[in-house]
N, C-alpha and C. Protein backbone atom coordinates (compact mmCIF):
# COMPACT_ATOMS: atom_id res chain seq x y z
N MET A 1 -74.98 -167.73 23.14
CA MET A 1 -74.20 -165.99 23.33
C MET A 1 -74.25 -165.62 21.92
N CYS A 2 -75.13 -164.44 21.77
CA CYS A 2 -74.92 -163.78 20.45
C CYS A 2 -73.54 -163.48 19.69
N LEU A 3 -73.47 -163.66 18.19
CA LEU A 3 -72.14 -163.70 17.74
C LEU A 3 -71.68 -162.11 18.00
N LYS A 4 -72.48 -160.83 18.09
CA LYS A 4 -72.09 -159.69 18.16
C LYS A 4 -71.41 -159.43 19.43
N VAL A 5 -72.04 -160.09 20.61
CA VAL A 5 -71.65 -159.75 21.90
C VAL A 5 -70.20 -160.40 21.99
N ARG A 6 -69.97 -161.52 21.25
CA ARG A 6 -68.76 -162.59 21.32
C ARG A 6 -67.78 -161.79 20.56
N ILE A 7 -68.09 -160.66 19.73
CA ILE A 7 -67.04 -159.85 19.06
C ILE A 7 -66.89 -158.30 19.63
N ILE A 8 -67.83 -157.83 20.02
CA ILE A 8 -67.87 -156.60 21.16
C ILE A 8 -67.25 -156.68 22.15
N LEU A 9 -67.62 -157.64 23.11
CA LEU A 9 -67.04 -157.63 24.62
C LEU A 9 -65.19 -157.70 24.27
N PRO A 10 -64.75 -158.85 23.53
CA PRO A 10 -63.49 -158.73 23.68
C PRO A 10 -62.51 -157.47 22.78
N THR A 11 -63.64 -156.92 22.07
CA THR A 11 -62.99 -155.68 21.49
C THR A 11 -62.95 -154.61 22.50
N ILE A 12 -63.86 -154.35 22.96
CA ILE A 12 -63.59 -153.44 24.62
C ILE A 12 -62.93 -153.75 25.41
N ALA A 13 -62.61 -154.89 25.51
CA ALA A 13 -61.81 -155.12 26.62
C ALA A 13 -60.43 -155.15 26.10
N ILE A 14 -60.01 -155.26 24.86
CA ILE A 14 -58.72 -154.86 24.52
C ILE A 14 -58.56 -153.53 24.47
N MET A 15 -59.34 -152.73 23.86
CA MET A 15 -59.68 -151.20 23.76
C MET A 15 -59.27 -150.80 25.15
N LEU A 16 -59.95 -151.11 26.20
CA LEU A 16 -59.49 -150.48 27.52
C LEU A 16 -58.44 -150.66 28.12
N LEU A 17 -57.71 -152.28 27.74
CA LEU A 17 -56.22 -152.51 28.23
C LEU A 17 -55.04 -151.37 27.43
N PHE A 18 -55.18 -151.22 26.10
CA PHE A 18 -54.74 -150.38 25.79
C PHE A 18 -54.56 -148.98 25.99
N SER A 19 -55.70 -148.69 25.97
CA SER A 19 -55.98 -147.23 26.88
C SER A 19 -55.36 -146.98 27.99
N SER A 20 -55.25 -147.83 29.18
CA SER A 20 -55.11 -147.76 30.53
C SER A 20 -53.33 -148.27 30.51
N CYS A 21 -53.04 -148.69 29.59
CA CYS A 21 -51.55 -148.67 29.26
C CYS A 21 -50.83 -147.56 28.80
N SER A 22 -51.72 -146.77 28.03
CA SER A 22 -50.80 -145.69 27.54
C SER A 22 -51.39 -144.44 28.53
N PHE A 23 -52.23 -144.29 29.03
CA PHE A 23 -52.52 -143.41 29.95
C PHE A 23 -50.98 -143.08 31.23
N ASN A 24 -50.65 -142.12 31.18
CA ASN A 24 -49.47 -141.68 32.30
C ASN A 24 -49.79 -140.72 32.91
N SER A 25 -50.03 -140.53 34.17
CA SER A 25 -50.62 -139.51 34.88
C SER A 25 -49.15 -138.58 35.08
N MET A 26 -48.01 -138.54 34.54
CA MET A 26 -46.98 -137.60 35.13
C MET A 26 -47.32 -136.86 33.83
N LEU A 27 -47.82 -137.18 32.55
CA LEU A 27 -47.61 -136.22 31.57
C LEU A 27 -48.61 -135.14 31.65
N SER A 28 -49.66 -135.19 32.83
CA SER A 28 -50.39 -134.32 33.07
C SER A 28 -50.16 -133.29 34.16
N ILE A 29 -48.81 -133.60 34.66
CA ILE A 29 -48.22 -132.76 35.89
C ILE A 29 -47.91 -131.27 35.28
N TYR A 30 -47.07 -131.42 34.23
CA TYR A 30 -45.93 -130.46 33.60
C TYR A 30 -46.64 -129.18 33.87
N ASN A 31 -47.57 -129.01 33.63
CA ASN A 31 -48.57 -127.39 33.09
C ASN A 31 -49.70 -127.29 33.99
N ASN A 32 -49.85 -128.25 34.81
CA ASN A 32 -50.69 -127.94 35.75
C ASN A 32 -50.11 -127.35 37.24
N ASP A 33 -50.56 -126.03 37.26
CA ASP A 33 -49.93 -125.30 38.51
C ASP A 33 -50.55 -125.83 39.97
N LYS A 34 -51.59 -126.36 39.70
CA LYS A 34 -52.33 -127.11 41.09
C LYS A 34 -51.71 -128.04 41.55
N LYS A 35 -51.24 -128.95 41.02
CA LYS A 35 -50.61 -129.76 40.97
C LYS A 35 -49.10 -129.82 41.35
N ILE A 36 -48.16 -129.06 40.73
CA ILE A 36 -47.06 -128.42 41.17
C ILE A 36 -47.09 -127.72 42.41
N ALA A 37 -48.23 -127.12 42.83
CA ALA A 37 -47.98 -126.29 44.15
C ALA A 37 -48.36 -127.59 45.30
N SER A 38 -48.73 -128.60 44.96
CA SER A 38 -49.16 -129.24 46.12
C SER A 38 -48.01 -129.86 46.86
N GLU A 39 -48.31 -130.42 48.08
CA GLU A 39 -47.17 -130.51 49.06
C GLU A 39 -46.52 -132.12 48.65
N THR A 40 -47.05 -132.50 47.80
CA THR A 40 -46.85 -134.00 47.38
C THR A 40 -45.46 -133.95 45.78
N ASN A 41 -45.16 -135.20 45.86
CA ASN A 41 -43.92 -135.41 44.87
C ASN A 41 -44.65 -136.74 44.10
N THR A 42 -44.59 -136.24 42.83
CA THR A 42 -44.98 -137.65 41.91
C THR A 42 -44.37 -137.53 40.97
N PHE A 43 -43.27 -138.73 40.72
CA PHE A 43 -42.44 -139.09 39.83
C PHE A 43 -42.01 -140.46 39.28
N ASN A 44 -41.65 -140.59 38.05
CA ASN A 44 -40.69 -141.66 37.97
C ASN A 44 -39.33 -141.44 37.62
N LEU A 45 -38.61 -142.16 38.37
CA LEU A 45 -36.89 -141.86 38.12
C LEU A 45 -36.59 -143.05 37.99
N GLY A 46 -35.75 -142.82 36.72
CA GLY A 46 -34.68 -143.86 36.65
C GLY A 46 -33.26 -143.78 37.09
N GLU A 47 -31.79 -144.08 36.29
CA GLU A 47 -30.79 -144.12 36.98
C GLU A 47 -30.40 -142.50 37.14
N ILE A 48 -30.03 -142.41 38.78
CA ILE A 48 -29.64 -141.34 39.01
C ILE A 48 -28.44 -141.58 39.97
N GLU A 49 -27.28 -140.33 39.55
CA GLU A 49 -26.09 -140.09 40.12
C GLU A 49 -26.03 -139.10 40.80
N GLN A 50 -26.09 -138.83 42.18
CA GLN A 50 -26.19 -137.45 42.77
C GLN A 50 -25.02 -136.92 44.05
N GLU A 51 -24.91 -135.96 44.06
CA GLU A 51 -24.06 -135.66 45.39
C GLU A 51 -24.77 -134.59 45.81
N ILE A 52 -24.88 -134.27 47.11
CA ILE A 52 -25.81 -133.21 47.55
C ILE A 52 -24.94 -132.47 48.85
N ASP A 53 -24.52 -131.69 49.08
CA ASP A 53 -24.32 -130.41 49.91
C ASP A 53 -25.25 -129.93 50.19
N ASN A 54 -25.52 -129.36 51.82
CA ASN A 54 -26.94 -128.60 52.11
C ASN A 54 -26.96 -127.41 50.92
N LYS A 55 -26.00 -126.87 50.48
CA LYS A 55 -26.48 -125.68 49.80
C LYS A 55 -25.95 -125.87 48.46
N LYS A 56 -25.63 -127.21 47.83
CA LYS A 56 -25.21 -127.54 46.26
C LYS A 56 -25.84 -128.75 46.54
N ILE A 57 -26.36 -129.35 45.01
CA ILE A 57 -26.64 -130.72 44.67
C ILE A 57 -26.16 -130.75 43.18
N GLU A 58 -25.51 -131.80 42.99
CA GLU A 58 -25.02 -132.35 41.81
C GLU A 58 -25.69 -133.25 41.10
N ALA A 59 -26.41 -133.70 40.13
CA ALA A 59 -26.98 -134.81 39.87
C ALA A 59 -26.98 -135.03 38.36
N LYS A 60 -26.77 -136.22 38.03
CA LYS A 60 -27.13 -136.72 36.58
C LYS A 60 -28.10 -137.98 36.67
N ILE A 61 -29.37 -137.15 36.06
CA ILE A 61 -30.50 -138.29 35.80
C ILE A 61 -30.75 -138.78 34.44
N ASP A 62 -30.63 -140.05 34.40
CA ASP A 62 -30.79 -140.64 33.42
C ASP A 62 -32.26 -140.79 32.80
N ASP A 63 -33.20 -140.56 33.80
CA ASP A 63 -34.71 -140.68 33.36
C ASP A 63 -35.72 -140.10 34.58
N ILE A 64 -35.96 -138.82 33.85
CA ILE A 64 -37.15 -138.44 35.17
C ILE A 64 -38.21 -137.86 34.46
N GLU A 65 -39.48 -138.15 35.31
CA GLU A 65 -40.71 -137.59 34.70
C GLU A 65 -41.63 -137.15 35.77
N GLY A 66 -42.60 -135.99 35.67
CA GLY A 66 -43.28 -135.77 36.86
C GLY A 66 -42.58 -134.46 37.53
N MET A 67 -42.63 -134.77 39.10
CA MET A 67 -42.17 -133.37 39.64
C MET A 67 -41.84 -134.04 40.95
N GLU A 68 -40.83 -133.40 41.48
CA GLU A 68 -39.91 -133.83 43.11
C GLU A 68 -39.46 -132.44 43.90
N THR A 69 -39.84 -132.08 44.73
CA THR A 69 -39.24 -131.03 45.97
C THR A 69 -37.66 -131.28 45.79
N ILE A 70 -36.77 -130.49 45.55
CA ILE A 70 -35.20 -130.74 45.73
C ILE A 70 -34.58 -129.48 46.43
N TRP A 71 -35.58 -128.43 46.90
CA TRP A 71 -34.81 -127.63 47.83
C TRP A 71 -36.09 -126.75 48.57
N SER A 72 -35.64 -126.71 50.11
CA SER A 72 -36.65 -125.91 50.80
C SER A 72 -36.01 -125.19 51.74
N PHE A 73 -36.76 -123.96 51.91
CA PHE A 73 -36.16 -123.09 53.01
C PHE A 73 -37.26 -122.39 53.95
N THR A 74 -37.47 -122.56 55.29
CA THR A 74 -38.36 -122.26 56.08
C THR A 74 -37.89 -120.50 56.33
N SER A 75 -38.40 -119.76 56.02
CA SER A 75 -37.83 -118.07 56.44
C SER A 75 -38.66 -117.80 57.33
N ASP A 76 -37.91 -116.83 58.26
CA ASP A 76 -38.59 -116.15 59.18
C ASP A 76 -38.94 -114.72 58.85
N GLU A 77 -38.60 -114.20 57.81
CA GLU A 77 -38.90 -113.25 57.03
C GLU A 77 -38.66 -113.19 55.51
N ASP A 78 -39.19 -112.26 54.91
CA ASP A 78 -39.24 -111.87 53.44
C ASP A 78 -37.90 -111.71 53.04
N MET A 79 -37.36 -112.50 52.03
CA MET A 79 -35.95 -111.93 52.02
C MET A 79 -35.32 -112.39 50.21
N ASP A 80 -34.01 -112.15 49.78
CA ASP A 80 -33.59 -112.63 48.51
C ASP A 80 -32.78 -113.90 48.52
N ILE A 81 -32.87 -114.41 47.81
CA ILE A 81 -31.79 -115.86 47.85
C ILE A 81 -31.16 -115.73 46.16
N GLU A 82 -29.97 -116.20 46.26
CA GLU A 82 -29.26 -116.56 45.17
C GLU A 82 -29.33 -117.93 44.60
N LEU A 83 -29.75 -118.00 43.50
CA LEU A 83 -29.23 -119.70 42.94
C LEU A 83 -28.56 -119.62 41.68
N SER A 84 -27.75 -120.56 41.52
CA SER A 84 -26.76 -120.30 40.45
C SER A 84 -26.66 -121.50 40.17
N GLY A 85 -26.11 -122.41 38.52
CA GLY A 85 -25.56 -122.94 38.37
C GLY A 85 -25.79 -123.45 36.56
N GLU A 86 -26.22 -124.87 36.48
CA GLU A 86 -26.54 -125.19 35.21
C GLU A 86 -27.67 -126.34 35.26
N MET A 87 -28.45 -126.52 34.42
CA MET A 87 -29.32 -127.47 34.02
C MET A 87 -29.40 -128.05 32.61
N SER A 88 -28.49 -128.83 32.42
CA SER A 88 -28.16 -129.22 30.95
C SER A 88 -29.47 -130.70 30.40
N ILE A 89 -30.12 -130.48 29.58
CA ILE A 89 -31.19 -131.35 29.29
C ILE A 89 -30.53 -132.21 28.03
N LYS A 90 -30.64 -133.47 28.23
CA LYS A 90 -30.07 -134.09 26.83
C LYS A 90 -31.27 -134.95 26.13
N SER A 91 -32.63 -134.86 26.96
CA SER A 91 -33.66 -135.16 26.05
C SER A 91 -34.85 -134.47 26.97
N GLY A 92 -35.75 -134.34 26.58
CA GLY A 92 -37.09 -133.83 27.07
C GLY A 92 -37.28 -132.27 27.11
N LYS A 93 -38.18 -132.17 28.75
CA LYS A 93 -37.93 -130.68 28.97
C LYS A 93 -38.22 -130.68 30.47
N ALA A 94 -37.55 -129.99 31.19
CA ALA A 94 -37.84 -129.84 32.45
C ALA A 94 -37.76 -128.32 32.71
N LYS A 95 -38.05 -127.89 34.15
CA LYS A 95 -38.11 -126.77 34.80
C LYS A 95 -37.88 -126.41 36.18
N LEU A 96 -37.63 -125.52 36.69
CA LEU A 96 -37.42 -125.42 38.12
C LEU A 96 -38.40 -124.30 38.57
N VAL A 97 -39.20 -124.50 39.67
CA VAL A 97 -40.60 -123.92 40.06
C VAL A 97 -40.55 -123.45 41.53
N LEU A 98 -40.09 -122.15 41.87
CA LEU A 98 -40.48 -121.71 43.14
C LEU A 98 -41.89 -122.27 43.72
N ILE A 99 -42.35 -122.45 44.93
CA ILE A 99 -43.39 -122.50 45.43
C ILE A 99 -43.59 -121.52 46.89
N LEU A 100 -44.00 -120.49 46.85
CA LEU A 100 -44.08 -119.49 47.96
C LEU A 100 -44.99 -120.39 48.85
N PRO A 101 -45.06 -119.81 49.88
CA PRO A 101 -45.86 -120.62 51.29
C PRO A 101 -47.43 -119.94 50.84
N ASP A 102 -47.67 -119.25 50.08
CA ASP A 102 -49.36 -119.37 50.05
C ASP A 102 -49.58 -120.11 48.81
N ASN A 103 -48.59 -121.22 48.05
CA ASN A 103 -48.91 -121.78 46.85
C ASN A 103 -48.64 -120.87 45.63
N THR A 104 -48.19 -119.71 45.37
CA THR A 104 -47.96 -118.89 44.44
C THR A 104 -46.87 -119.69 43.68
N LEU A 105 -46.60 -119.61 42.48
CA LEU A 105 -45.84 -120.37 41.62
C LEU A 105 -44.87 -119.35 40.93
N ILE A 106 -43.60 -119.58 40.66
CA ILE A 106 -42.72 -118.46 40.16
C ILE A 106 -41.79 -119.26 39.53
N LEU A 107 -41.87 -119.07 38.12
CA LEU A 107 -41.04 -120.00 37.52
C LEU A 107 -39.22 -119.53 37.09
N LEU A 108 -38.27 -120.38 37.62
CA LEU A 108 -36.99 -119.91 37.96
C LEU A 108 -36.32 -120.16 36.74
N ALA A 109 -36.59 -121.20 35.90
CA ALA A 109 -35.68 -121.99 34.73
C ALA A 109 -36.54 -122.83 34.11
N GLU A 110 -36.53 -122.49 32.98
CA GLU A 110 -37.22 -123.84 31.95
C GLU A 110 -36.53 -124.09 30.74
N LYS A 111 -35.87 -125.32 30.50
CA LYS A 111 -34.70 -125.57 29.51
C LYS A 111 -35.39 -127.11 28.93
N ASP A 112 -34.92 -127.06 27.60
CA ASP A 112 -35.04 -128.55 26.57
C ASP A 112 -33.58 -128.84 26.04
N PHE A 113 -34.10 -129.72 25.19
CA PHE A 113 -32.59 -130.03 24.76
C PHE A 113 -31.85 -129.24 23.50
N ALA A 114 -32.88 -128.32 23.22
CA ALA A 114 -32.71 -127.31 22.20
C ALA A 114 -32.11 -125.95 22.95
N SER A 115 -31.77 -126.03 24.36
CA SER A 115 -31.96 -124.66 24.60
C SER A 115 -30.36 -124.07 24.64
N ASN A 116 -30.39 -122.88 24.23
CA ASN A 116 -29.01 -122.20 23.96
C ASN A 116 -28.08 -122.32 24.77
N SER A 117 -28.62 -122.10 26.54
CA SER A 117 -27.69 -121.79 27.31
C SER A 117 -28.12 -122.80 28.58
N ASN A 118 -27.29 -123.20 29.59
CA ASN A 118 -27.48 -124.10 30.28
C ASN A 118 -27.23 -123.60 31.52
N GLU A 119 -27.00 -122.32 31.59
CA GLU A 119 -26.73 -121.43 32.97
C GLU A 119 -28.11 -121.11 33.62
N ILE A 120 -28.16 -121.22 34.82
CA ILE A 120 -28.92 -120.67 35.45
C ILE A 120 -28.62 -119.50 36.64
N THR A 121 -28.54 -118.52 36.62
CA THR A 121 -28.22 -117.56 37.46
C THR A 121 -29.59 -116.57 37.54
N GLN A 122 -30.17 -116.85 39.36
CA GLN A 122 -31.38 -116.28 39.44
C GLN A 122 -31.43 -115.59 41.00
N THR A 123 -31.82 -114.52 40.96
CA THR A 123 -32.17 -113.81 42.54
C THR A 123 -33.50 -114.04 42.75
N PHE A 124 -34.02 -114.67 43.67
CA PHE A 124 -35.27 -114.77 43.98
C PHE A 124 -36.08 -114.28 45.40
N SER A 125 -37.04 -113.73 45.47
CA SER A 125 -37.81 -113.33 47.00
C SER A 125 -38.56 -114.40 47.18
N VAL A 126 -38.14 -114.86 48.75
CA VAL A 126 -38.93 -116.01 49.70
C VAL A 126 -39.51 -115.24 50.29
N LYS A 127 -40.71 -115.90 50.71
CA LYS A 127 -41.67 -115.19 51.99
C LYS A 127 -41.49 -115.98 53.33
N GLN A 128 -42.30 -115.19 54.35
CA GLN A 128 -41.93 -116.12 55.26
C GLN A 128 -42.95 -117.15 55.26
N GLY A 129 -42.09 -118.29 56.19
CA GLY A 129 -42.84 -119.60 55.99
C GLY A 129 -41.94 -120.59 54.78
N LEU A 130 -42.82 -121.71 54.82
CA LEU A 130 -42.02 -122.50 53.90
C LEU A 130 -42.04 -122.35 52.47
N ASN A 131 -40.81 -122.08 51.82
CA ASN A 131 -40.58 -122.08 50.59
C ASN A 131 -39.85 -123.37 49.97
N ARG A 132 -40.68 -123.66 48.58
CA ARG A 132 -39.71 -124.67 48.18
C ARG A 132 -39.44 -124.76 46.66
N ILE A 133 -38.51 -125.30 46.07
CA ILE A 133 -38.35 -125.52 44.28
C ILE A 133 -38.47 -127.01 44.32
N LYS A 134 -39.56 -127.29 42.96
CA LYS A 134 -39.38 -128.40 42.53
C LYS A 134 -39.06 -128.43 41.40
N LEU A 135 -38.43 -129.54 40.78
CA LEU A 135 -37.71 -129.99 39.64
C LEU A 135 -39.07 -130.88 38.59
N VAL A 136 -39.53 -130.12 37.70
CA VAL A 136 -40.45 -130.90 37.28
C VAL A 136 -40.23 -130.99 35.74
N ALA A 137 -40.48 -132.54 35.05
CA ALA A 137 -40.02 -132.84 33.95
C ALA A 137 -40.87 -133.51 33.10
N GLU A 138 -41.07 -133.33 31.91
CA GLU A 138 -41.97 -134.11 31.01
C GLU A 138 -41.19 -135.51 31.15
N LYS A 139 -42.22 -136.14 30.07
CA LYS A 139 -41.74 -137.92 29.88
C LYS A 139 -40.41 -137.82 29.34
N ASN A 140 -39.52 -138.97 30.03
CA ASN A 140 -38.37 -139.14 29.42
C ASN A 140 -37.30 -138.20 29.37
N THR A 141 -37.15 -137.21 30.23
CA THR A 141 -36.56 -136.12 30.54
C THR A 141 -34.74 -136.69 31.05
N GLU A 142 -33.70 -136.49 30.31
CA GLU A 142 -32.62 -136.90 30.57
C GLU A 142 -31.80 -135.87 30.90
N LEU A 143 -31.24 -135.52 32.15
CA LEU A 143 -30.53 -134.02 32.40
C LEU A 143 -29.52 -134.23 33.55
N ASP A 144 -28.80 -133.40 33.12
CA ASP A 144 -27.74 -132.83 34.57
C ASP A 144 -27.74 -131.82 35.00
N LEU A 145 -27.73 -131.33 36.37
CA LEU A 145 -28.42 -130.39 37.22
C LEU A 145 -27.08 -130.21 38.21
N VAL A 146 -26.82 -129.07 38.26
CA VAL A 146 -25.66 -128.55 39.40
C VAL A 146 -26.49 -127.32 39.86
N LEU A 147 -26.64 -127.09 40.75
CA LEU A 147 -27.38 -125.80 41.28
C LEU A 147 -26.80 -125.67 42.86
N ALA A 148 -26.68 -124.27 43.29
CA ALA A 148 -25.94 -123.92 44.51
C ALA A 148 -26.73 -122.90 45.07
N SER A 149 -27.29 -122.50 46.48
CA SER A 149 -28.09 -121.34 46.74
C SER A 149 -27.38 -120.88 47.99
N THR A 150 -27.75 -119.89 48.36
CA THR A 150 -27.22 -118.97 49.48
C THR A 150 -27.84 -119.25 50.61
N ASP A 151 -29.01 -119.69 50.50
CA ASP A 151 -30.00 -119.95 51.71
C ASP A 151 -30.64 -121.25 51.43
N GLY A 152 -31.44 -122.25 52.57
CA GLY A 152 -31.81 -123.10 52.07
C GLY A 152 -31.41 -124.72 51.79
N ASP A 153 -31.98 -125.60 51.85
CA ASP A 153 -31.34 -126.97 51.63
C ASP A 153 -31.47 -127.90 50.47
N PHE A 154 -31.11 -128.49 49.89
CA PHE A 154 -31.31 -129.20 48.40
C PHE A 154 -31.40 -130.73 49.44
N GLN A 155 -32.58 -131.44 48.63
CA GLN A 155 -32.68 -132.68 49.38
C GLN A 155 -32.26 -133.71 48.33
N GLU A 156 -32.03 -134.91 48.71
CA GLU A 156 -31.81 -135.89 47.81
C GLU A 156 -33.04 -136.50 46.82
N LEU A 157 -32.90 -136.55 45.74
CA LEU A 157 -33.69 -136.82 44.53
C LEU A 157 -34.02 -138.32 44.93
N GLY A 158 -35.49 -138.77 44.30
CA GLY A 158 -35.56 -139.96 44.43
C GLY A 158 -36.62 -140.68 45.86
N ILE A 159 -36.16 -139.60 47.10
CA ILE A 159 -37.00 -139.74 48.39
C ILE A 159 -38.65 -138.90 48.40
N ASN A 160 -39.28 -139.79 48.59
CA ASN A 160 -40.61 -138.96 48.42
C ASN A 160 -41.03 -138.58 49.96
N TRP A 161 -40.88 -137.42 50.34
CA TRP A 161 -40.73 -137.01 51.44
C TRP A 161 -41.84 -135.76 51.75
C-alpha cells in the first residue's frame, strides 16, 4: 500500500470520528420552528425532580436540551387561557412555545441565566383542536420551572408521548 494512503485513510477516519461525536442534533432544534411544531419530542434529560397536578407543574431540571411537550389542551372552541409562574434559568437558555392546531408557533416566554425576571404571566388564545406548549432548551440548560394554567393539563417531563 502506498505511503500516502497509509497516512490519509487513518487521518480521514479520525476526522470522521471527531466530527460525528461533536454533532448534536439537539443544537439544531432551538431556532427551528418546523421541528418545534412537530408532534415529536426530542430531548436529552439529566436529573429531574418534578411534581405535577393537572393544572400545575413544579420541576427542577439538572440538565436538558432539545424540546418536550409539557402541556396540552384540546379545545372545543377558541378561548383564552392564563399561564402563570416562574422559569429560573441557572445555565443555558430556554423558552416556552405555544403550538396551535394549525402548527402556528407563539413564543410565550424566553429566558436565559442573565434574565432580569423569572416571572411568567401570560394570557394566550387557543384555537379549536389540540393546542400544546413545548419547553425548548439549548445545550446544557439547568432550570427550575413552576407553572400553572387555568385549563389544559401538564404532563410529566421525560416521557416521550
